[in-house]
């Protein structure tokens, strides 16, 4: 579809954005992930909502961000995609703290890393990332991101389509971060892939996308905080960056998350039993009728069959 160039698209005022999913990561907690993904889509969405609600205050803001002194808005519930797999995701907008050059301060970046680590541990994620887009500037080699707008949130199918198209031309070289009006595409292989080549290949993919796209280039500061391979349990000494907040984290975060996980494990068990019961009933209903032999017949039936009155 046609692409409208940067001059036709003015992005919203940028803020830093943290991207998180409630469904556990494959490397960190595969058993928990399998339990949640085995649920019907509606229950998966309910799980997503309850996990985020467990870590928000009455105003709908992140209690982790509040504890770290960060100013955030409400969660934006959008489609998250990684390696062909789409899960509900939350994109948290965090008010940026910048220096006179317009770049993030070191103290602010440290707080974003702290926030990312806490969500990674609480939600058993393989990793949680954040980025801060900066628009404008003439040096294309510094612009490691492309923002696309289709005027609305991308659907699950559109998100899968976008990743598939990009993967054909930029394998293992990009991540997608959803927005309220589309998505941001980041070059994560900058050492081997120059940004001008990244732009050209990404636009080649976007021309095949099923939606008309407005686009703009940006440079960004970003980081990815890896999760801890705890398996199904969160270790009591899980925080590496802010061990001083471990007790608060265990009480206000871990306990809340565990309540939700235990509830949905119970729901998953009930769903599995109900599904097995339905399958058994269906199996019985399609069983062929057994042909009656003489030994199955009553005396009256045998007499009738023999023509004896």
C-alpha atoms as a PDB file:
ATOM      1  CA  UNK A   1       0.000   0.000   0.000  1.00  0.00           C
ATOM      2  CA  UNK A   2       1.173   3.624  -0.494  1.00  0.00           C
ATOM      3  CA  UNK A   3       3.525   5.097   2.097  1.00  0.00           C
ATOM      4  CA  UNK A   4       3.221   8.726   3.139  1.00  0.00           C
ATOM      5  CA  UNK A   5       6.622  10.178   3.954  1.00  0.00           C
ATOM      6  CA  UNK A   6       7.676  11.860   7.213  1.00  0.00           C
ATOM      7  CA  UNK A   7       6.541  15.337   6.155  1.00  0.00           C
ATOM      8  CA  UNK A   8       2.913  14.176   6.150  1.00  0.00           C
ATOM      9  CA  UNK A   9       2.948  12.686   9.634  1.00  0.00           C
ATOM     10  CA  UNK A  10       3.474  14.533  12.886  1.00  0.00           C
ATOM     11  CA  UNK A  11       3.764  12.045  15.787  1.00  0.00           C
ATOM     12  CA  UNK A  12       2.353  12.695  19.208  1.00  0.00           C
ATOM     13  CA  UNK A  13       4.650  14.297  21.769  1.00  0.00           C
ATOM     14  CA  UNK A  14       7.015  11.431  22.575  1.00  0.00           C
ATOM     15  CA  UNK A  15       7.389   9.852  25.965  1.00  0.00           C
ATOM     16  CA  UNK A  16       9.415   6.860  27.044  1.00  0.00           C
ATOM     17  CA  UNK A  17       7.506   3.603  26.693  1.00  0.00           C
ATOM     18  CA  UNK A  18       7.846   0.303  28.565  1.00  0.00           C
ATOM     19  CA  UNK A  19       6.476  -2.798  26.850  1.00  0.00           C
ATOM     20  CA  UNK A  20       5.308  -5.707  29.004  1.00  0.00           C
ATOM     21  CA  UNK A  21       3.260  -8.883  28.667  1.00  0.00           C
ATOM     22  CA  UNK A  22       1.495 -10.814  31.408  1.00  0.00           C
ATOM     23  CA  UNK A  23       1.943 -14.209  29.752  1.00  0.00           C
ATOM     24  CA  UNK A  24       5.156 -15.770  31.107  1.00  0.00           C
ATOM     25  CA  UNK A  25       8.247 -16.143  28.927  1.00  0.00           C
ATOM     26  CA  UNK A  26       9.217 -19.436  27.296  1.00  0.00           C
ATOM     27  CA  UNK A  27      12.733 -19.463  28.777  1.00  0.00           C
ATOM     28  CA  UNK A  28      11.759 -18.329  32.287  1.00  0.00           C
ATOM     29  CA  UNK A  29       8.521 -20.165  33.097  1.00  0.00           C
ATOM     30  CA  UNK A  30       7.390 -22.419  30.223  1.00  0.00           C
ATOM     31  CA  UNK A  31       4.931 -24.402  32.388  1.00  0.00           C
ATOM     32  CA  UNK A  32       3.074 -21.277  33.508  1.00  0.00           C
ATOM     33  CA  UNK A  33       3.058 -19.983  29.943  1.00  0.00           C
ATOM     34  CA  UNK A  34       1.551 -23.250  28.685  1.00  0.00           C
ATOM     35  CA  UNK A  35      -1.197 -23.121  31.326  1.00  0.00           C
ATOM     36  CA  UNK A  36      -2.294 -19.615  30.328  1.00  0.00           C
ATOM     37  CA  UNK A  37      -2.017 -20.187  26.583  1.00  0.00           C
ATOM     38  CA  UNK A  38      -4.082 -23.355  26.940  1.00  0.00           C
ATOM     39  CA  UNK A  39      -7.058 -21.231  27.981  1.00  0.00           C
ATOM     40  CA  UNK A  40      -9.650 -19.891  25.508  1.00  0.00           C
ATOM     41  CA  UNK A  41      -8.779 -16.462  24.124  1.00  0.00           C
ATOM     42  CA  UNK A  42     -11.358 -14.681  26.301  1.00  0.00           C
ATOM     43  CA  UNK A  43      -9.849 -16.165  29.474  1.00  0.00           C
ATOM     44  CA  UNK A  44      -6.359 -15.266  28.283  1.00  0.00           C
ATOM     45  CA  UNK A  45      -7.517 -11.657  27.912  1.00  0.00           C
ATOM     46  CA  UNK A  46      -9.074 -11.811  31.394  1.00  0.00           C
ATOM     47  CA  UNK A  47      -5.757 -13.070  32.788  1.00  0.00           C
ATOM     48  CA  UNK A  48      -3.930 -10.204  31.101  1.00  0.00           C
ATOM     49  CA  UNK A  49      -6.315  -7.617  32.553  1.00  0.00           C
ATOM     50  CA  UNK A  50      -6.243  -9.061  36.078  1.00  0.00           C
ATOM     51  CA  UNK A  51      -2.454  -9.273  36.165  1.00  0.00           C
ATOM     52  CA  UNK A  52      -2.088  -5.606  35.253  1.00  0.00           C
ATOM     53  CA  UNK A  53      -4.918  -4.571  37.558  1.00  0.00           C
ATOM     54  CA  UNK A  54      -3.120  -6.312  40.429  1.00  0.00           C
ATOM     55  CA  UNK A  55      -0.213  -3.873  39.999  1.00  0.00           C
ATOM     56  CA  UNK A  56      -2.172  -0.652  39.567  1.00  0.00           C
ATOM     57  CA  UNK A  57      -3.686   1.820  41.993  1.00  0.00           C
ATOM     58  CA  UNK A  58      -7.291   3.003  41.967  1.00  0.00           C
ATOM     59  CA  UNK A  59      -6.417   5.618  39.335  1.00  0.00           C
ATOM     60  CA  UNK A  60      -5.131   2.895  37.000  1.00  0.00           C
ATOM     61  CA  UNK A  61      -1.437   3.823  37.303  1.00  0.00           C
ATOM     62  CA  UNK A  62       1.473   1.470  37.919  1.00  0.00           C
ATOM     63  CA  UNK A  63       2.320   1.080  41.616  1.00  0.00           C
ATOM     64  CA  UNK A  64       5.858   0.078  40.605  1.00  0.00           C
ATOM     65  CA  UNK A  65       6.346   3.354  38.749  1.00  0.00           C
ATOM     66  CA  UNK A  66       4.890   5.263  41.679  1.00  0.00           C
ATOM     67  CA  UNK A  67       7.303   3.585  44.089  1.00  0.00           C
ATOM     68  CA  UNK A  68      10.224   4.580  41.860  1.00  0.00           C
ATOM     69  CA  UNK A  69       9.042   8.180  41.583  1.00  0.00           C
ATOM     70  CA  UNK A  70       8.070   7.932  37.908  1.00  0.00           C
ATOM     71  CA  UNK A  71       5.043   9.696  36.437  1.00  0.00           C
ATOM     72  CA  UNK A  72       2.993   7.435  34.218  1.00  0.00           C
ATOM     73  CA  UNK A  73      -0.354   7.322  32.498  1.00  0.00           C
ATOM     74  CA  UNK A  74      -2.736   4.376  32.296  1.00  0.00           C
ATOM     75  CA  UNK A  75      -1.854   1.109  30.590  1.00  0.00           C
ATOM     76  CA  UNK A  76      -2.506   0.970  26.851  1.00  0.00           C
ATOM     77  CA  UNK A  77      -3.671  -2.567  26.145  1.00  0.00           C
ATOM     78  CA  UNK A  78      -2.362  -3.490  22.703  1.00  0.00           C
ATOM     79  CA  UNK A  79      -1.205  -6.515  20.737  1.00  0.00           C
ATOM     80  CA  UNK A  80       2.344  -7.617  21.487  1.00  0.00           C
ATOM     81  CA  UNK A  81       4.255  -9.808  19.039  1.00  0.00           C
ATOM     82  CA  UNK A  82       7.458 -11.817  19.220  1.00  0.00           C
ATOM     83  CA  UNK A  83       8.589 -14.521  16.770  1.00  0.00           C
ATOM     84  CA  UNK A  84       5.130 -15.009  15.295  1.00  0.00           C
ATOM     85  CA  UNK A  85       3.380 -15.235  18.649  1.00  0.00           C
ATOM     86  CA  UNK A  86       0.870 -12.559  19.616  1.00  0.00           C
ATOM     87  CA  UNK A  87      -0.163 -11.957  23.219  1.00  0.00           C
ATOM     88  CA  UNK A  88      -1.985  -9.097  24.913  1.00  0.00           C
ATOM     89  CA  UNK A  89       0.535  -6.467  25.973  1.00  0.00           C
ATOM     90  CA  UNK A  90       0.624  -3.278  27.989  1.00  0.00           C
ATOM     91  CA  UNK A  91       2.476  -0.232  26.736  1.00  0.00           C
ATOM     92  CA  UNK A  92       3.133   2.089  29.669  1.00  0.00           C
ATOM     93  CA  UNK A  93       3.880   5.713  28.841  1.00  0.00           C
ATOM     94  CA  UNK A  94       6.366   7.281  31.261  1.00  0.00           C
ATOM     95  CA  UNK A  95       6.942  11.032  31.416  1.00  0.00           C
ATOM     96  CA  UNK A  96      10.529  11.560  30.330  1.00  0.00           C
ATOM     97  CA  UNK A  97      13.181  13.432  32.311  1.00  0.00           C
ATOM     98  CA  UNK A  98      15.607  14.988  29.826  1.00  0.00           C
ATOM     99  CA  UNK A  99      18.748  17.121  29.923  1.00  0.00           C
ATOM    100  CA  UNK A 100      19.398  20.367  28.041  1.00  0.00           C
ATOM    101  CA  UNK A 101      20.259  18.355  24.917  1.00  0.00           C
ATOM    102  CA  UNK A 102      16.882  16.613  24.973  1.00  0.00           C
ATOM    103  CA  UNK A 103      18.354  13.252  25.963  1.00  0.00           C
ATOM    104  CA  UNK A 104      17.254  11.143  28.909  1.00  0.00           C
ATOM    105  CA  UNK A 105      19.072  11.783  32.161  1.00  0.00           C
ATOM    106  CA  UNK A 106      21.150   8.948  33.590  1.00  0.00           C
ATOM    107  CA  UNK A 107      19.042   8.849  36.759  1.00  0.00           C
ATOM    108  CA  UNK A 108      15.851   8.531  34.722  1.00  0.00           C
ATOM    109  CA  UNK A 109      17.270   5.710  32.586  1.00  0.00           C
ATOM    110  CA  UNK A 110      18.281   3.908  35.764  1.00  0.00           C
ATOM    111  CA  UNK A 111      14.711   4.163  37.059  1.00  0.00           C
ATOM    112  CA  UNK A 112      13.352   2.792  33.777  1.00  0.00           C
ATOM    113  CA  UNK A 113      15.747  -0.152  34.117  1.00  0.00           C
ATOM    114  CA  UNK A 114      14.531  -0.688  37.701  1.00  0.00           C
ATOM    115  CA  UNK A 115      10.901  -0.657  36.548  1.00  0.00           C
ATOM    116  CA  UNK A 116      11.634  -3.042  33.684  1.00  0.00           C
ATOM    117  CA  UNK A 117      13.390  -5.473  36.029  1.00  0.00           C
ATOM    118  CA  UNK A 118      10.494  -5.516  38.496  1.00  0.00           C
ATOM    119  CA  UNK A 119       7.966  -6.290  35.761  1.00  0.00           C
ATOM    120  CA  UNK A 120      10.279  -8.902  34.234  1.00  0.00           C
ATOM    121  CA  UNK A 121      10.539 -10.714  37.573  1.00  0.00           C
ATOM    122  CA  UNK A 122       6.889 -10.314  38.573  1.00  0.00           C
ATOM    123  CA  UNK A 123       5.511 -11.527  35.230  1.00  0.00           C
ATOM    124  CA  UNK A 124       8.258 -14.154  34.632  1.00  0.00           C
ATOM    125  CA  UNK A 125       9.285 -12.477  31.387  1.00  0.00           C
ATOM    126  CA  UNK A 126      12.288 -13.446  29.281  1.00  0.00           C
ATOM    127  CA  UNK A 127      12.901  -9.710  29.117  1.00  0.00           C
ATOM    128  CA  UNK A 128      11.202  -6.313  29.373  1.00  0.00           C
ATOM    129  CA  UNK A 129      12.293  -3.409  27.202  1.00  0.00           C
ATOM    130  CA  UNK A 130      11.832   0.335  27.102  1.00  0.00           C
ATOM    131  CA  UNK A 131      12.539   2.954  24.463  1.00  0.00           C
ATOM    132  CA  UNK A 132      12.434   6.738  24.102  1.00  0.00           C
ATOM    133  CA  UNK A 133      11.850   8.052  20.560  1.00  0.00           C
ATOM    134  CA  UNK A 134      13.368  11.384  19.487  1.00  0.00           C
ATOM    135  CA  UNK A 135      12.004  12.855  16.265  1.00  0.00           C
ATOM    136  CA  UNK A 136      13.620  15.282  13.853  1.00  0.00           C
ATOM    137  CA  UNK A 137      17.242  15.710  12.858  1.00  0.00           C
ATOM    138  CA  UNK A 138      18.872  15.305   9.466  1.00  0.00           C
ATOM    139  CA  UNK A 139      21.341  12.498  10.166  1.00  0.00           C
ATOM    140  CA  UNK A 140      19.557   9.437   8.828  1.00  0.00           C
ATOM    141  CA  UNK A 141      22.301   7.157  10.114  1.00  0.00           C
ATOM    142  CA  UNK A 142      21.262   7.988  13.686  1.00  0.00           C
ATOM    143  CA  UNK A 143      17.559   7.285  13.104  1.00  0.00           C
ATOM    144  CA  UNK A 144      17.211   3.678  14.252  1.00  0.00           C
ATOM    145  CA  UNK A 145      13.411   3.601  14.337  1.00  0.00           C
ATOM    146  CA  UNK A 146      10.358   4.004  12.148  1.00  0.00           C
ATOM    147  CA  UNK A 147       6.958   4.973  13.521  1.00  0.00           C
ATOM    148  CA  UNK A 148       3.967   3.942  11.444  1.00  0.00           C
ATOM    149  CA  UNK A 149       0.426   5.172  11.833  1.00  0.00           C
ATOM    150  CA  UNK A 150      -2.690   3.545  10.410  1.00  0.00           C
ATOM    151  CA  UNK A 151      -4.964   5.720  12.532  1.00  0.00           C
ATOM    152  CA  UNK A 152      -5.933   2.979  14.992  1.00  0.00           C
ATOM    153  CA  UNK A 153      -4.610   0.108  17.077  1.00  0.00           C
ATOM    154  CA  UNK A 154      -3.336  -2.803  15.041  1.00  0.00           C
ATOM    155  CA  UNK A 155      -5.460  -5.933  15.298  1.00  0.00           C
ATOM    156  CA  UNK A 156      -3.970  -9.310  16.143  1.00  0.00           C
ATOM    157  CA  UNK A 157      -4.007 -10.367  12.489  1.00  0.00           C
ATOM    158  CA  UNK A 158      -2.492  -7.059  11.339  1.00  0.00           C
ATOM    159  CA  UNK A 159       0.275  -7.373  13.934  1.00  0.00           C
ATOM    160  CA  UNK A 160       1.115 -10.897  12.740  1.00  0.00           C
ATOM    161  CA  UNK A 161       1.064  -9.689   9.118  1.00  0.00           C
ATOM    162  CA  UNK A 162       3.411  -6.790   9.908  1.00  0.00           C
ATOM    163  CA  UNK A 163       5.940  -8.982  11.705  1.00  0.00           C
ATOM    164  CA  UNK A 164       5.838 -11.608   8.953  1.00  0.00           C
ATOM    165  CA  UNK A 165       6.524  -9.022   6.237  1.00  0.00           C
ATOM    166  CA  UNK A 166       9.395  -7.464   8.193  1.00  0.00           C
ATOM    167  CA  UNK A 167      10.896 -10.840   9.052  1.00  0.00           C
ATOM    168  CA  UNK A 168      11.282 -11.658   5.369  1.00  0.00           C
ATOM    169  CA  UNK A 169      13.597  -8.684   4.806  1.00  0.00           C
ATOM    170  CA  UNK A 170      14.995  -8.024   8.303  1.00  0.00           C
ATOM    171  CA  UNK A 171      15.355 -11.399  10.039  1.00  0.00           C
ATOM    172  CA  UNK A 172      16.479 -11.082  13.684  1.00  0.00           C
ATOM    173  CA  UNK A 173      17.047  -7.353  13.238  1.00  0.00           C
ATOM    174  CA  UNK A 174      13.928  -5.629  14.555  1.00  0.00           C
ATOM    175  CA  UNK A 175      11.375  -5.417  17.332  1.00  0.00           C
ATOM    176  CA  UNK A 176       7.836  -4.072  17.106  1.00  0.00           C
ATOM    177  CA  UNK A 177       6.362  -1.916  19.846  1.00  0.00           C
ATOM    178  CA  UNK A 178       2.634  -1.252  19.451  1.00  0.00           C
ATOM    179  CA  UNK A 179       1.110   2.222  19.804  1.00  0.00           C
ATOM    180  CA  UNK A 180      -2.427   3.585  19.925  1.00  0.00           C
ATOM    181  CA  UNK A 181      -2.234   4.475  16.217  1.00  0.00           C
ATOM    182  CA  UNK A 182       0.027   1.760  14.838  1.00  0.00           C
ATOM    183  CA  UNK A 183       3.514   0.674  15.846  1.00  0.00           C
ATOM    184  CA  UNK A 184       7.176   1.569  16.187  1.00  0.00           C
ATOM    185  CA  UNK A 185       9.790  -0.583  14.495  1.00  0.00           C
ATOM    186  CA  UNK A 186      13.270  -0.539  16.029  1.00  0.00           C
ATOM    187  CA  UNK A 187      16.579  -1.629  14.536  1.00  0.00           C
ATOM    188  CA  UNK A 188      18.141  -3.917  17.156  1.00  0.00           C
ATOM    189  CA  UNK A 189      21.071  -4.990  14.973  1.00  0.00           C
ATOM    190  CA  UNK A 190      22.683  -1.591  14.559  1.00  0.00           C
ATOM    191  CA  UNK A 191      26.253  -2.890  14.666  1.00  0.00           C
ATOM    192  CA  UNK A 192      25.688  -5.049  11.583  1.00  0.00           C
ATOM    193  CA  UNK A 193      22.818  -3.197   9.892  1.00  0.00           C
ATOM    194  CA  UNK A 194      23.146   0.495   9.103  1.00  0.00           C
ATOM    195  CA  UNK A 195      20.010   2.539   9.659  1.00  0.00           C
ATOM    196  CA  UNK A 196      19.705   3.658   6.028  1.00  0.00           C
ATOM    197  CA  UNK A 197      19.610   0.011   4.925  1.00  0.00           C
ATOM    198  CA  UNK A 198      17.174  -0.705   7.776  1.00  0.00           C
ATOM    199  CA  UNK A 199      14.857   2.049   6.493  1.00  0.00           C
ATOM    200  CA  UNK A 200      14.968   0.797   2.908  1.00  0.00           C
ATOM    201  CA  UNK A 201      14.230  -2.818   3.809  1.00  0.00           C
ATOM    202  CA  UNK A 202      11.488  -1.888   6.280  1.00  0.00           C
ATOM    203  CA  UNK A 203       9.785   0.320   3.694  1.00  0.00           C
ATOM    204  CA  UNK A 204       9.985  -2.529   1.189  1.00  0.00           C
ATOM    205  CA  UNK A 205       7.978  -4.623   3.649  1.00  0.00           C
ATOM    206  CA  UNK A 206       5.557  -1.812   4.509  1.00  0.00           C
ATOM    207  CA  UNK A 207       4.664  -1.367   0.835  1.00  0.00           C
ATOM    208  CA  UNK A 208       3.197  -4.894   0.990  1.00  0.00           C
ATOM    209  CA  UNK A 209       1.238  -4.187   4.193  1.00  0.00           C
ATOM    210  CA  UNK A 210      -2.548  -4.318   3.866  1.00  0.00           C
ATOM    211  CA  UNK A 211      -3.053  -0.841   5.379  1.00  0.00           C
ATOM    212  CA  UNK A 212      -2.166   2.655   4.171  1.00  0.00           C
ATOM    213  CA  UNK A 213       0.734   3.830   6.320  1.00  0.00           C
ATOM    214  CA  UNK A 214       1.989   7.225   7.480  1.00  0.00           C
ATOM    215  CA  UNK A 215       5.568   6.976   8.663  1.00  0.00           C
ATOM    216  CA  UNK A 216       8.245   8.985  10.424  1.00  0.00           C
ATOM    217  CA  UNK A 217      11.841   8.240  11.327  1.00  0.00           C
ATOM    218  CA  UNK A 218      13.228   8.669  14.811  1.00  0.00           C
ATOM    219  CA  UNK A 219      16.344   7.982  16.829  1.00  0.00           C
ATOM    220  CA  UNK A 220      15.927   6.359  20.207  1.00  0.00           C
ATOM    221  CA  UNK A 221      17.480   5.487  23.493  1.00  0.00           C
ATOM    222  CA  UNK A 222      16.476   2.031  24.672  1.00  0.00           C
ATOM    223  CA  UNK A 223      17.369  -0.947  26.821  1.00  0.00           C
ATOM    224  CA  UNK A 224      16.251  -4.536  27.393  1.00  0.00           C
ATOM    225  CA  UNK A 225      16.362  -5.986  30.912  1.00  0.00           C
ATOM    226  CA  UNK A 226      16.491  -9.766  30.878  1.00  0.00           C
ATOM    227  CA  UNK A 227      14.341 -11.824  33.215  1.00  0.00           C
ATOM    228  CA  UNK A 228      15.549 -14.304  35.809  1.00  0.00           C
ATOM    229  CA  UNK A 229      15.027 -18.002  35.134  1.00  0.00           C
ATOM    230  CA  UNK A 230      12.999 -18.695  38.257  1.00  0.00           C
ATOM    231  CA  UNK A 231      10.689 -21.267  36.762  1.00  0.00           C
ATOM    232  CA  UNK A 232       7.292 -21.349  38.433  1.00  0.00           C
ATOM    233  CA  UNK A 233       8.406 -19.640  41.644  1.00  0.00           C
ATOM    234  CA  UNK A 234       9.740 -16.134  42.242  1.00  0.00           C
ATOM    235  CA  UNK A 235      12.901 -16.243  44.347  1.00  0.00           C
ATOM    236  CA  UNK A 236      12.970 -14.121  47.483  1.00  0.00           C
ATOM    237  CA  UNK A 237      16.234 -12.489  46.377  1.00  0.00           C
ATOM    238  CA  UNK A 238      15.055 -11.848  42.838  1.00  0.00           C
ATOM    239  CA  UNK A 239      15.848  -8.115  42.518  1.00  0.00           C
ATOM    240  CA  UNK A 240      19.425  -7.431  41.481  1.00  0.00           C
ATOM    241  CA  UNK A 241      19.199  -3.713  40.786  1.00  0.00           C
ATOM    242  CA  UNK A 242      17.126  -2.617  43.779  1.00  0.00           C
ATOM    243  CA  UNK A 243      17.677  -5.162  46.533  1.00  0.00           C
ATOM    244  CA  UNK A 244      16.716  -2.383  48.978  1.00  0.00           C
ATOM    245  CA  UNK A 245      13.135  -2.697  47.681  1.00  0.00           C
ATOM    246  CA  UNK A 246      12.986  -6.508  47.923  1.00  0.00           C
ATOM    247  CA  UNK A 247      10.742  -6.616  51.005  1.00  0.00           C
ATOM    248  CA  UNK A 248       8.310  -4.110  49.502  1.00  0.00           C
ATOM    249  CA  UNK A 249       8.389  -6.039  46.212  1.00  0.00           C
ATOM    250  CA  UNK A 250       7.643  -9.385  47.905  1.00  0.00           C
ATOM    251  CA  UNK A 251       4.690  -7.957  49.849  1.00  0.00           C
ATOM    252  CA  UNK A 252       3.067  -5.604  47.348  1.00  0.00           C
ATOM    253  CA  UNK A 253       3.973  -7.203  44.033  1.00  0.00           C
ATOM    254  CA  UNK A 254       4.683 -10.919  44.402  1.00  0.00           C
ATOM    255  CA  UNK A 255       1.699 -11.615  46.670  1.00  0.00           C
ATOM    256  CA  UNK A 256      -0.692  -9.808  44.318  1.00  0.00           C
ATOM    257  CA  UNK A 257       0.621 -11.587  41.241  1.00  0.00           C
ATOM    258  CA  UNK A 258       0.559 -14.998  42.927  1.00  0.00           C
ATOM    259  CA  UNK A 259      -3.119 -14.595  43.834  1.00  0.00           C
ATOM    260  CA  UNK A 260      -3.962 -14.063  40.170  1.00  0.00           C
ATOM    261  CA  UNK A 261      -1.764 -16.959  39.009  1.00  0.00           C
ATOM    262  CA  UNK A 262      -3.250 -19.381  41.528  1.00  0.00           C
ATOM    263  CA  UNK A 263      -6.789 -18.362  40.581  1.00  0.00           C
ATOM    264  CA  UNK A 264      -6.159 -18.926  36.887  1.00  0.00           C
ATOM    265  CA  UNK A 265      -4.371 -22.215  37.497  1.00  0.00           C
ATOM    266  CA  UNK A 266      -7.603 -23.336  39.171  1.00  0.00           C
ATOM    267  CA  UNK A 267      -9.632 -22.028  36.242  1.00  0.00           C
ATOM    268  CA  UNK A 268      -7.335 -23.896  33.837  1.00  0.00           C
ATOM    269  CA  UNK A 269      -7.834 -27.149  35.764  1.00  0.00           C
ATOM    270  CA  UNK A 270     -11.622 -26.711  35.700  1.00  0.00           C
ATOM    271  CA  UNK A 271     -11.522 -25.888  31.996  1.00  0.00           C
ATOM    272  CA  UNK A 272      -9.397 -28.978  31.273  1.00  0.00           C
ATOM    273  CA  UNK A 273     -11.812 -31.234  33.196  1.00  0.00           C
ATOM    274  CA  UNK A 274     -14.842 -29.737  31.459  1.00  0.00           C
ATOM    275  CA  UNK A 275     -13.157 -30.105  28.075  1.00  0.00           C
ATOM    276  CA  UNK A 276     -12.272 -33.750  28.762  1.00  0.00           C
ATOM    277  CA  UNK A 277     -15.853 -34.421  29.873  1.00  0.00           C
ATOM    278  CA  UNK A 278     -17.264 -32.854  26.690  1.00  0.00           C
ATOM    279  CA  UNK A 279     -14.898 -34.915  24.561  1.00  0.00           C
ATOM    280  CA  UNK A 280     -16.016 -38.087  26.315  1.00  0.00           C
ATOM    281  CA  UNK A 281     -19.678 -37.235  25.760  1.00  0.00           C
ATOM    282  CA  UNK A 282     -19.003 -36.436  22.088  1.00  0.00           C
ATOM    283  CA  UNK A 283     -17.167 -39.734  21.712  1.00  0.00           C
ATOM    284  CA  UNK A 284     -20.070 -41.664  23.209  1.00  0.00           C
ATOM    285  CA  UNK A 285     -22.568 -39.889  20.980  1.00  0.00           C
ATOM    286  CA  UNK A 286     -20.765 -40.936  17.806  1.00  0.00           C
ATOM    287  CA  UNK A 287     -20.312 -44.570  18.849  1.00  0.00           C
ATOM    288  CA  UNK A 288     -21.965 -46.878  16.239  1.00  0.00           C
ATOM    289  CA  UNK A 289     -24.916 -48.883  17.473  1.00  0.00           C
ATOM    290  CA  UNK A 290     -23.907 -52.394  18.450  1.00  0.00           C
ATOM    291  CA  UNK A 291     -25.609 -55.086  16.366  1.00  0.00           C
ATOM    292  CA  UNK A 292     -27.809 -57.235  18.591  1.00  0.00           C
ATOM    293  CA  UNK A 293     -27.002 -60.933  18.510  1.00  0.00           C
ATOM    294  CA  UNK A 294     -29.329 -63.746  19.689  1.00  0.00           C
ATOM    295  CA  UNK A 295     -27.627 -63.828  23.082  1.00  0.00           C
ATOM    296  CA  UNK A 296     -28.541 -60.156  23.575  1.00  0.00           C
ATOM    297  CA  UNK A 297     -32.253 -60.775  22.867  1.00  0.00           C
ATOM    298  CA  UNK A 298     -35.016 -61.545  25.299  1.00  0.00           C
ATOM    299  CA  UNK A 299     -37.057 -64.770  25.029  1.00  0.00           C
ATOM    300  CA  UNK A 300     -39.956 -62.801  23.579  1.00  0.00           C
ATOM    301  CA  UNK A 301     -37.714 -61.264  20.916  1.00  0.00           C
ATOM    302  CA  UNK A 302     -36.247 -64.664  19.997  1.00  0.00           C
ATOM    303  CA  UNK A 303     -39.728 -66.190  19.632  1.00  0.00           C
ATOM    304  CA  UNK A 304     -40.829 -63.310  17.410  1.00  0.00           C
ATOM    305  CA  UNK A 305     -37.707 -63.657  15.278  1.00  0.00           C
ATOM    306  CA  UNK A 306     -38.442 -67.411  14.861  1.00  0.00           C
ATOM    307  CA  UNK A 307     -42.067 -66.722  13.901  1.00  0.00           C
ATOM    308  CA  UNK A 308     -43.458 -68.339  17.072  1.00  0.00           C
ATOM    309  CA  UNK A 309     -46.547 -66.678  18.466  1.00  0.00           C
END
